[in-house]
Amino acid sequence: MIGSGGREHALLWKLAHSPSVKEVYVIPGNDGMTDVAHLIPVKGAEDILDFARLMEVDLTVAGPETVLTEGLADKFAEKGMAFFGPSAAAAQIEGSKSFAKNLMKKYKIPTAAYETFTDEEKAVSYIKKRKKYPLVIKADGLASGKGVVIAETEEQAVQAVRGMLEGKTFGSAGESVVIEEFMEGEEASVLCFTDGNTIVPMISAQDHKRISDGDMGANTGGMGAYAPTPVMTKELDKIVYDTILLPAVKAMKKEGCLFKGCLYAGLMITKDGPKVVEFNCRFGDPETEAVLPLLESDLAKIMLACTKGTLKKEKVEWKNACAVDVVLASEGYPATHSSGEEISGLEEAKKTGCLVFHAGSMKKKGRYFVNGGRVLNVAAVAPTLKEARDKAYEGVSKISWRGMQYRHDIADKGLKRLKKRK
């Protein structure tokens, strides 16, 4: 396993419990993962390859997008070694917003109307002709989920474009910008396993991007998630499969970049139906921490089938239950955040039946300390969404450190929607 966050801990936990798995290694991992995997301190693609060869590893799984856009899957393919994750060419679906938008336009996959610019003055002139706000400005490349500005006014839109193209706010990621219409509706995330031909959707989820309750404050990597999300009905599941997931995987094959791995569709459920906000070429974080605890089947077998092109033969089953994942972050996150505070209550949280996935923590002399922005994930599974939410927050209540922050309203939108249905 490549990576070191909460998503990777959830994947490792699931893989370690796969009946077909004997041994799990993680590069570089974090101190909280030692319960399920061996931490291996190697760096760089060649060293990763050498380690996998030396240990006769049967499957390598990528967590973060950067190793995929940099072509780690291609290097493993050259050596004939199984790797779960797309090639660098296929990873462009996340690595370049303009590639993804142009693909959707060409293959008629529903998304927001947009234009792409590399020239600052042309972008500003386009903005000045726009009458409808808000407008969405996106850096073309990878910006750790933070390269998006929702501009409420012309002034904000111009400032965002100038910052990206001239000021290099996001470095090379902002050398090209995508300007698109703002979509109204409720968000949902649908991830799927694919071998490039067969697609197996996972249970839908909903992420919470803003730092504070009520979707207020700065954008983050994600402050929590729950699954399934009631906004995704059976009818919508079918529409998403038929109009988004299947056409996207077919399009990638047609374009000569077969997509193998986990394809993530970030959706907006608008009055005109589901539309794509973004595609990602890997598991979402924090959605993974809510979705994987609901998987009944052997994750390693599913992933191996994706690498071999035999996904059609796999039976993928899910628990008839709900999961809620709450992210605990350090003081100051998502800006400059504190670190070094001692974390207490981890064992007490686990005694509530919750899963605790580590992201930004470190261990010294048997004690855990804060070592990142998003520090821990507390996830709970229960028969109903309300029970899962209550159980997750019971787990959260046991953990503390100075400056710890978290949202108190994860899954509230889903609960309100379920209440309305009654």
Protein backbone atom coordinates (compact mmCIF):
# COMPACT_ATOMS: atom_id res chain seq x y z
CA MET A 1 0.00 0.00 0.00
CA ILE A 2 1.36 3.43 -0.94
CA GLY A 3 0.29 6.37 1.24
CA SER A 4 0.02 7.59 4.82
CA GLY A 5 -3.46 9.03 5.48
CA GLY A 6 -6.79 7.96 6.95
CA ARG A 7 -7.91 6.60 3.59
CA GLU A 8 -4.85 4.35 3.45
CA HIS A 9 -5.40 3.15 7.03
CA ALA A 10 -9.00 2.19 6.12
CA LEU A 11 -7.78 0.36 3.00
CA LEU A 12 -5.06 -1.42 4.99
CA TRP A 13 -7.53 -2.42 7.69
CA LYS A 14 -9.86 -3.90 5.07
CA LEU A 15 -7.03 -5.65 3.20
CA ALA A 16 -5.57 -7.06 6.42
CA HIS A 17 -8.97 -8.64 7.12
CA SER A 18 -9.23 -10.14 3.61
CA PRO A 19 -9.18 -13.96 3.89
CA SER A 20 -6.82 -14.12 0.88
CA VAL A 21 -4.18 -11.82 2.44
CA LYS A 22 -1.27 -13.07 4.56
CA GLU A 23 0.94 -9.99 4.91
CA VAL A 24 0.47 -6.24 4.42
CA TYR A 25 3.16 -3.57 3.99
CA VAL A 26 2.71 0.20 3.75
CA ILE A 27 5.04 2.83 2.26
CA PRO A 28 5.55 5.15 4.13
CA GLY A 29 2.44 4.75 6.36
CA ASN A 30 2.00 6.41 9.75
CA ASP A 31 2.51 5.24 13.34
CA GLY A 32 -1.19 4.44 13.83
CA MET A 33 -1.12 1.74 11.13
CA THR A 34 1.18 -0.72 12.89
CA ASP A 35 -1.83 -2.73 14.12
CA VAL A 36 -2.54 -3.87 10.55
CA ALA A 37 0.66 -3.40 8.50
CA HIS A 38 4.46 -3.25 8.48
CA LEU A 39 5.72 0.32 7.91
CA ILE A 40 8.44 0.43 5.25
CA PRO A 41 10.58 3.61 5.10
CA VAL A 42 11.48 3.64 1.39
CA LYS A 43 11.09 6.55 -1.05
CA GLY A 44 10.89 6.85 -4.81
CA ALA A 45 9.39 4.64 -7.51
CA GLU A 46 12.50 2.49 -8.06
CA ASP A 47 12.87 1.67 -4.36
CA ILE A 48 9.15 0.82 -4.12
CA LEU A 49 9.54 -1.52 -7.12
CA ASP A 50 12.65 -3.12 -5.64
CA PHE A 51 10.89 -3.71 -2.32
CA ALA A 52 7.82 -5.24 -4.02
CA ARG A 53 10.09 -7.57 -6.01
CA LEU A 54 12.23 -8.49 -3.00
CA MET A 55 9.20 -9.39 -0.85
CA GLU A 56 7.39 -11.08 -3.76
CA VAL A 57 4.39 -8.82 -3.25
CA ASP A 58 1.31 -10.04 -5.17
CA LEU A 59 -0.55 -6.72 -5.28
CA THR A 60 0.39 -3.07 -4.84
CA VAL A 61 -2.31 -0.46 -4.18
CA ALA A 62 -1.95 3.31 -4.60
CA GLY A 63 -3.63 5.64 -2.12
CA PRO A 64 -2.84 9.23 -3.25
CA GLU A 65 -3.30 10.58 -6.77
CA THR A 66 0.24 11.98 -7.17
CA VAL A 67 1.92 8.55 -7.45
CA LEU A 68 -0.62 7.67 -10.16
CA THR A 69 -0.21 10.85 -12.23
CA GLU A 70 3.56 10.34 -11.93
CA GLY A 71 3.22 6.89 -13.53
CA LEU A 72 3.89 4.34 -10.77
CA ALA A 73 1.29 1.97 -12.27
CA ASP A 74 3.15 2.08 -15.61
CA LYS A 75 6.45 1.13 -13.93
CA PHE A 76 4.79 -1.89 -12.27
CA ALA A 77 3.13 -2.88 -15.58
CA GLU A 78 6.53 -2.82 -17.33
CA LYS A 79 7.77 -5.41 -14.82
CA GLY A 80 4.59 -7.51 -15.12
CA MET A 81 3.60 -6.84 -11.49
CA ALA A 82 -0.01 -6.42 -10.33
CA PHE A 83 -0.89 -2.82 -9.43
CA PHE A 84 -4.32 -1.45 -8.44
CA GLY A 85 -4.58 2.03 -9.92
CA PRO A 86 -4.63 3.64 -13.38
CA SER A 87 -1.73 4.44 -15.71
CA ALA A 88 -0.42 8.03 -15.89
CA ALA A 89 -2.43 8.53 -19.11
CA ALA A 90 -5.66 7.35 -17.44
CA ALA A 91 -4.91 9.31 -14.23
CA GLN A 92 -5.24 12.52 -16.29
CA ILE A 93 -8.96 12.26 -15.56
CA GLU A 94 -8.02 13.74 -12.17
CA GLY A 95 -4.62 15.24 -12.99
CA SER A 96 -6.02 17.66 -15.56
CA LYS A 97 -9.43 19.33 -15.14
CA SER A 98 -9.40 20.41 -18.81
CA PHE A 99 -8.71 16.80 -19.94
CA ALA A 100 -11.68 15.60 -17.85
CA LYS A 101 -14.01 18.40 -19.02
CA ASN A 102 -13.07 17.90 -22.69
CA LEU A 103 -13.63 14.14 -22.33
CA MET A 104 -17.08 14.76 -20.83
CA LYS A 105 -17.97 17.23 -23.58
CA LYS A 106 -16.85 14.84 -26.33
CA TYR A 107 -18.73 11.84 -24.89
CA LYS A 108 -21.79 13.80 -23.68
CA ILE A 109 -21.31 13.05 -19.98
CA PRO A 110 -23.41 15.56 -17.97
CA THR A 111 -21.33 18.31 -16.32
CA ALA A 112 -21.34 22.10 -15.86
CA ALA A 113 -20.83 24.36 -18.92
CA TYR A 114 -17.20 25.56 -18.99
CA GLU A 115 -14.31 27.25 -20.80
CA THR A 116 -10.55 26.65 -20.40
CA PHE A 117 -7.92 29.43 -20.47
CA THR A 118 -4.13 29.76 -20.33
CA ASP A 119 -4.19 33.46 -21.24
CA GLU A 120 -5.04 35.73 -18.30
CA GLU A 121 -6.54 38.62 -20.31
CA LYS A 122 -8.78 36.28 -22.34
CA ALA A 123 -10.01 34.73 -19.09
CA VAL A 124 -10.71 38.17 -17.56
CA SER A 125 -12.52 39.32 -20.71
CA TYR A 126 -14.69 36.13 -20.57
CA ILE A 127 -15.51 36.80 -16.89
CA LYS A 128 -16.53 40.41 -17.65
CA LYS A 129 -19.14 39.14 -20.13
CA ARG A 130 -20.67 36.82 -17.54
CA LYS A 131 -23.81 38.06 -15.84
CA LYS A 132 -24.67 35.05 -13.69
CA TYR A 133 -22.88 34.44 -10.38
CA PRO A 134 -21.44 32.55 -8.57
CA LEU A 135 -18.81 31.32 -11.04
CA VAL A 136 -16.44 28.44 -10.32
CA ILE A 137 -12.72 28.90 -11.04
CA LYS A 138 -10.55 25.76 -11.00
CA ALA A 139 -6.79 25.31 -11.30
CA ASP A 140 -6.26 22.76 -14.07
CA GLY A 141 -3.77 20.52 -12.24
CA LEU A 142 -3.54 18.81 -8.86
CA ALA A 143 -3.84 21.18 -5.90
CA SER A 144 -4.60 18.78 -3.01
CA GLY A 145 -8.35 19.40 -3.35
CA LYS A 146 -7.90 23.12 -2.69
CA GLY A 147 -7.58 24.52 -6.24
CA VAL A 148 -11.22 25.61 -6.53
CA VAL A 149 -12.64 29.10 -5.93
CA ILE A 150 -16.38 29.81 -5.89
CA ALA A 151 -16.48 33.46 -6.92
CA GLU A 152 -19.59 35.36 -5.79
CA THR A 153 -18.67 38.53 -7.74
CA GLU A 154 -16.80 39.60 -10.87
CA GLU A 155 -14.05 41.05 -8.67
CA GLN A 156 -13.54 37.71 -6.86
CA ALA A 157 -13.49 35.81 -10.17
CA VAL A 158 -10.88 38.14 -11.70
CA GLN A 159 -8.78 37.96 -8.52
CA ALA A 160 -8.89 34.13 -8.56
CA VAL A 161 -7.90 33.92 -12.24
CA ARG A 162 -5.06 36.44 -11.83
CA GLY A 163 -3.87 34.61 -8.71
CA MET A 164 -3.74 31.27 -10.55
CA LEU A 165 -2.38 32.37 -13.95
CA GLU A 166 -0.14 35.29 -12.96
CA GLY A 167 0.51 34.84 -9.24
CA LYS A 168 0.93 31.04 -9.49
CA THR A 169 -1.17 30.48 -6.33
CA PHE A 170 -1.15 26.75 -7.10
CA GLY A 171 2.21 26.58 -8.91
CA SER A 172 2.18 24.58 -12.15
CA ALA A 173 -1.35 23.31 -11.31
CA GLY A 174 -2.66 26.80 -12.14
CA GLU A 175 -0.92 27.33 -15.49
CA SER A 176 -4.31 26.69 -17.06
CA VAL A 177 -7.72 27.44 -15.52
CA VAL A 178 -11.21 26.10 -16.05
CA ILE A 179 -14.09 28.55 -15.56
CA GLU A 180 -17.46 26.88 -15.18
CA GLU A 181 -21.05 27.57 -14.24
CA PHE A 182 -22.04 27.05 -10.61
CA MET A 183 -24.26 24.00 -10.17
CA GLU A 184 -26.98 24.00 -7.53
CA GLY A 185 -28.13 20.88 -5.74
CA GLU A 186 -26.87 18.33 -3.25
CA GLU A 187 -23.48 16.66 -3.58
CA ALA A 188 -22.81 12.93 -3.62
CA SER A 189 -19.77 10.75 -4.22
CA VAL A 190 -20.02 7.50 -6.15
CA LEU A 191 -16.88 5.37 -6.36
CA CYS A 192 -16.55 2.27 -8.47
CA PHE A 193 -14.19 -0.64 -9.04
CA THR A 194 -13.30 -1.13 -12.69
CA ASP A 195 -10.98 -3.30 -14.78
CA GLY A 196 -11.44 -1.00 -17.77
CA ASN A 197 -14.51 -2.87 -19.07
CA THR A 198 -16.67 -4.03 -16.15
CA ILE A 199 -17.81 -1.48 -13.56
CA VAL A 200 -18.92 -2.30 -10.01
CA PRO A 201 -20.23 0.79 -8.18
CA MET A 202 -19.62 1.06 -4.45
CA ILE A 203 -22.18 2.32 -1.95
CA SER A 204 -22.78 6.06 -2.43
CA ALA A 205 -21.44 8.55 0.10
CA GLN A 206 -21.58 12.24 0.97
CA ASP A 207 -18.50 14.25 1.96
CA HIS A 208 -18.43 17.44 4.09
CA LYS A 209 -15.84 19.81 2.61
CA ARG A 210 -16.13 22.89 4.82
CA ILE A 211 -14.35 23.17 8.15
CA SER A 212 -17.35 24.28 10.24
CA ASP A 213 -20.90 23.12 10.97
CA GLY A 214 -23.59 24.15 8.50
CA ASP A 215 -21.09 24.04 5.61
CA MET A 216 -19.42 27.24 6.78
CA GLY A 217 -15.78 28.33 6.73
CA ALA A 218 -12.83 27.30 4.60
CA ASN A 219 -12.67 24.34 2.23
CA THR A 220 -10.72 21.33 3.51
CA GLY A 221 -9.73 17.89 2.27
CA GLY A 222 -13.00 16.69 3.90
CA MET A 223 -14.27 16.74 7.50
CA GLY A 224 -16.37 13.59 7.45
CA ALA A 225 -18.60 11.38 5.34
CA TYR A 226 -21.48 8.94 5.59
CA ALA A 227 -22.77 6.08 3.46
CA PRO A 228 -25.13 5.40 1.87
CA THR A 229 -26.45 8.90 1.17
CA PRO A 230 -30.27 9.09 0.90
CA VAL A 231 -29.99 11.67 -1.92
CA MET A 232 -28.94 8.73 -4.13
CA THR A 233 -32.10 6.72 -4.77
CA LYS A 234 -32.13 3.38 -6.66
CA GLU A 235 -33.33 5.28 -9.73
CA LEU A 236 -30.45 7.78 -9.45
CA ASP A 237 -27.94 4.94 -8.94
CA LYS A 238 -29.01 3.56 -12.33
CA ILE A 239 -28.87 6.99 -14.01
CA VAL A 240 -25.34 7.59 -12.65
CA TYR A 241 -24.22 4.16 -13.89
CA ASP A 242 -25.78 4.60 -17.36
CA THR A 243 -24.96 8.27 -18.04
CA ILE A 244 -21.72 8.84 -16.09
CA LEU A 245 -19.72 5.80 -14.91
CA LEU A 246 -20.16 3.52 -17.93
CA PRO A 247 -19.66 6.27 -20.55
CA ALA A 248 -16.56 7.55 -18.70
CA VAL A 249 -14.87 4.13 -18.56
CA LYS A 250 -15.82 3.43 -22.21
CA ALA A 251 -14.52 6.87 -23.23
CA MET A 252 -11.17 6.27 -21.53
CA LYS A 253 -10.81 2.96 -23.38
CA LYS A 254 -11.68 4.64 -26.69
CA GLU A 255 -9.11 7.37 -26.03
CA GLY A 256 -6.44 4.70 -25.58
CA CYS A 257 -6.10 5.06 -21.81
CA LEU A 258 -7.81 2.03 -20.27
CA PHE A 259 -8.78 2.89 -16.69
CA LYS A 260 -8.11 0.16 -14.11
CA GLY A 261 -8.63 0.85 -10.42
CA CYS A 262 -11.04 3.01 -8.47
CA LEU A 263 -12.85 5.73 -10.40
CA TYR A 264 -14.46 8.37 -8.19
CA ALA A 265 -17.29 10.52 -9.51
CA GLY A 266 -17.96 13.65 -7.46
CA LEU A 267 -21.55 14.54 -8.36
CA MET A 268 -24.05 17.35 -8.00
CA ILE A 269 -27.65 16.14 -7.95
CA THR A 270 -29.30 19.04 -9.78
CA LYS A 271 -32.93 19.56 -10.79
CA ASP A 272 -31.85 18.30 -14.25
CA GLY A 273 -30.35 15.14 -12.78
CA PRO A 274 -26.85 14.13 -11.67
CA LYS A 275 -23.90 16.04 -13.17
CA VAL A 276 -20.16 15.54 -12.68
CA VAL A 277 -18.34 18.06 -10.48
CA GLU A 278 -15.05 16.15 -10.80
CA PHE A 279 -13.54 12.75 -11.45
CA ASN A 280 -10.78 11.36 -9.24
CA CYS A 281 -8.50 8.46 -10.16
CA ARG A 282 -8.41 6.93 -6.65
CA PHE A 283 -10.40 6.33 -3.46
CA GLY A 284 -11.82 9.46 -1.83
CA ASP A 285 -10.79 10.67 1.60
CA PRO A 286 -12.90 10.66 3.85
CA GLU A 287 -15.45 8.66 1.79
CA THR A 288 -13.28 5.51 1.93
CA GLU A 289 -13.44 5.48 5.73
CA ALA A 290 -17.27 5.36 5.52
CA VAL A 291 -17.69 3.09 2.47
CA LEU A 292 -15.17 0.28 3.11
CA PRO A 293 -16.56 -0.76 6.53
CA LEU A 294 -19.75 -1.66 4.62
CA LEU A 295 -17.98 -4.00 2.17
CA GLU A 296 -18.66 -7.70 2.88
CA SER A 297 -16.49 -9.17 0.12
CA ASP A 298 -12.73 -9.77 0.02
CA LEU A 299 -11.22 -6.42 -1.07
CA ALA A 300 -7.90 -7.94 -2.19
CA LYS A 301 -9.70 -10.38 -4.53
CA ILE A 302 -11.74 -7.53 -6.06
CA MET A 303 -8.61 -5.42 -6.59
CA LEU A 304 -6.67 -8.31 -8.13
CA ALA A 305 -9.59 -8.98 -10.48
CA CYS A 306 -9.44 -5.31 -11.58
CA THR A 307 -5.74 -5.68 -12.44
CA LYS A 308 -6.35 -8.93 -14.37
CA GLY A 309 -9.45 -7.80 -16.27
CA THR A 310 -11.65 -10.43 -14.57
CA LEU A 311 -13.90 -8.21 -12.44
CA LYS A 312 -16.99 -9.65 -14.15
CA LYS A 313 -16.39 -12.95 -12.29
CA GLU A 314 -16.29 -11.36 -8.83
CA LYS A 315 -19.32 -11.18 -6.55
CA VAL A 316 -19.20 -7.87 -4.66
CA GLU A 317 -21.52 -7.76 -1.65
CA TRP A 318 -22.33 -5.01 0.84
CA LYS A 319 -23.72 -4.93 4.37
CA ASN A 320 -27.31 -3.75 4.73
CA ALA A 321 -26.20 -1.02 7.15
CA CYS A 322 -25.00 2.58 7.40
CA ALA A 323 -21.63 4.09 8.26
CA VAL A 324 -20.57 7.53 9.52
CA ASP A 325 -17.00 8.83 9.60
CA VAL A 326 -16.01 11.96 11.57
CA VAL A 327 -12.64 13.64 10.97
CA LEU A 328 -10.80 15.09 13.97
CA ALA A 329 -8.45 17.92 12.96
CA SER A 330 -5.74 19.95 14.66
CA GLU A 331 -6.09 23.58 15.74
CA GLY A 332 -5.72 26.01 12.84
CA TYR A 333 -6.51 23.47 10.08
CA PRO A 334 -6.91 23.94 7.08
CA ALA A 335 -4.44 26.84 7.41
CA THR A 336 -1.18 26.55 9.37
CA HIS A 337 -1.99 24.05 12.08
CA SER A 338 -0.54 23.08 15.42
CA SER A 339 1.27 19.80 16.13
CA GLY A 340 2.85 17.96 19.04
CA GLU A 341 -0.20 17.84 21.35
CA GLU A 342 -0.74 14.53 23.13
CA ILE A 343 -3.86 12.58 22.09
CA SER A 344 -5.86 10.85 24.81
CA GLY A 345 -8.80 8.44 24.76
CA LEU A 346 -7.96 6.29 21.72
CA GLU A 347 -8.53 2.96 23.49
CA GLU A 348 -11.76 4.26 25.10
CA ALA A 349 -13.03 5.27 21.64
CA LYS A 350 -12.34 1.78 20.28
CA LYS A 351 -14.25 0.26 23.22
CA THR A 352 -17.43 1.97 21.93
CA GLY A 353 -17.17 -0.29 18.86
CA CYS A 354 -15.89 2.51 16.62
CA LEU A 355 -13.07 2.16 14.14
CA VAL A 356 -10.23 4.68 14.55
CA PHE A 357 -8.19 5.41 11.42
CA HIS A 358 -5.01 7.44 11.83
CA ALA A 359 -3.99 10.18 9.38
CA GLY A 360 -1.80 12.83 11.03
CA SER A 361 -0.56 11.20 14.22
CA MET A 362 2.83 9.99 15.50
CA LYS A 363 3.81 7.65 18.31
CA LYS A 364 6.50 8.31 20.92
CA LYS A 365 7.18 5.97 23.84
CA GLY A 366 3.79 4.31 23.47
CA ARG A 367 1.83 7.60 23.36
CA TYR A 368 0.21 9.29 20.36
CA PHE A 369 0.71 12.94 19.36
CA VAL A 370 -0.74 15.30 16.74
CA ASN A 371 1.36 15.38 13.56
CA GLY A 372 -0.85 16.79 10.79
CA GLY A 373 -3.96 18.74 9.81
CA ARG A 374 -6.48 15.91 9.64
CA VAL A 375 -5.37 13.74 12.56
CA LEU A 376 -7.89 10.92 13.07
CA ASN A 377 -11.07 9.44 11.61
CA VAL A 378 -13.68 7.91 13.90
CA ALA A 379 -16.02 5.62 11.95
CA ALA A 380 -19.04 3.63 13.08
CA VAL A 381 -21.32 1.07 11.42
CA ALA A 382 -24.92 0.48 12.56
CA PRO A 383 -28.26 -0.70 11.13
CA THR A 384 -29.55 2.88 10.66
CA LEU A 385 -27.94 6.21 9.81
CA LYS A 386 -29.02 7.75 13.12
CA GLU A 387 -27.51 4.87 15.12
CA ALA A 388 -24.27 5.06 13.11
CA ARG A 389 -24.09 8.84 13.62
CA ASP A 390 -24.74 8.55 17.39
CA LYS A 391 -22.18 5.76 17.73
CA ALA A 392 -19.52 7.72 15.80
CA TYR A 393 -19.99 10.78 18.02
CA GLU A 394 -19.87 8.60 21.12
CA GLY A 395 -16.44 7.45 19.92
CA VAL A 396 -15.42 11.06 19.19
CA SER A 397 -16.43 12.11 22.73
CA LYS A 398 -13.77 9.80 24.20
CA ILE A 399 -10.87 11.41 22.29
CA SER A 400 -9.27 14.75 23.11
CA TRP A 401 -6.20 16.94 22.70
CA ARG A 402 -5.63 20.67 23.05
CA GLY A 403 -7.19 22.50 20.09
CA MET A 404 -8.98 19.45 18.61
CA GLN A 405 -11.72 20.49 16.16
CA TYR A 406 -14.41 18.56 14.33
CA ARG A 407 -17.84 19.04 12.81
CA HIS A 408 -20.89 18.15 14.91
CA ASP A 409 -23.28 17.77 11.95
CA ILE A 410 -21.89 14.91 9.85
CA ALA A 411 -24.85 13.02 8.27
CA ASP A 412 -27.40 15.66 9.36
CA LYS A 413 -28.41 16.33 5.73
CA GLY A 414 -29.07 12.62 5.23
CA LEU A 415 -31.09 12.34 8.43
CA LYS A 416 -33.24 15.35 7.43
CA ARG A 417 -33.90 13.82 4.02
CA LEU A 418 -34.92 10.48 5.60
CA LYS A 419 -37.24 12.32 8.01
CA LYS A 420 -38.95 14.11 5.10
CA ARG A 421 -39.56 10.78 3.36
CA LYS A 422 -41.47 9.50 6.38
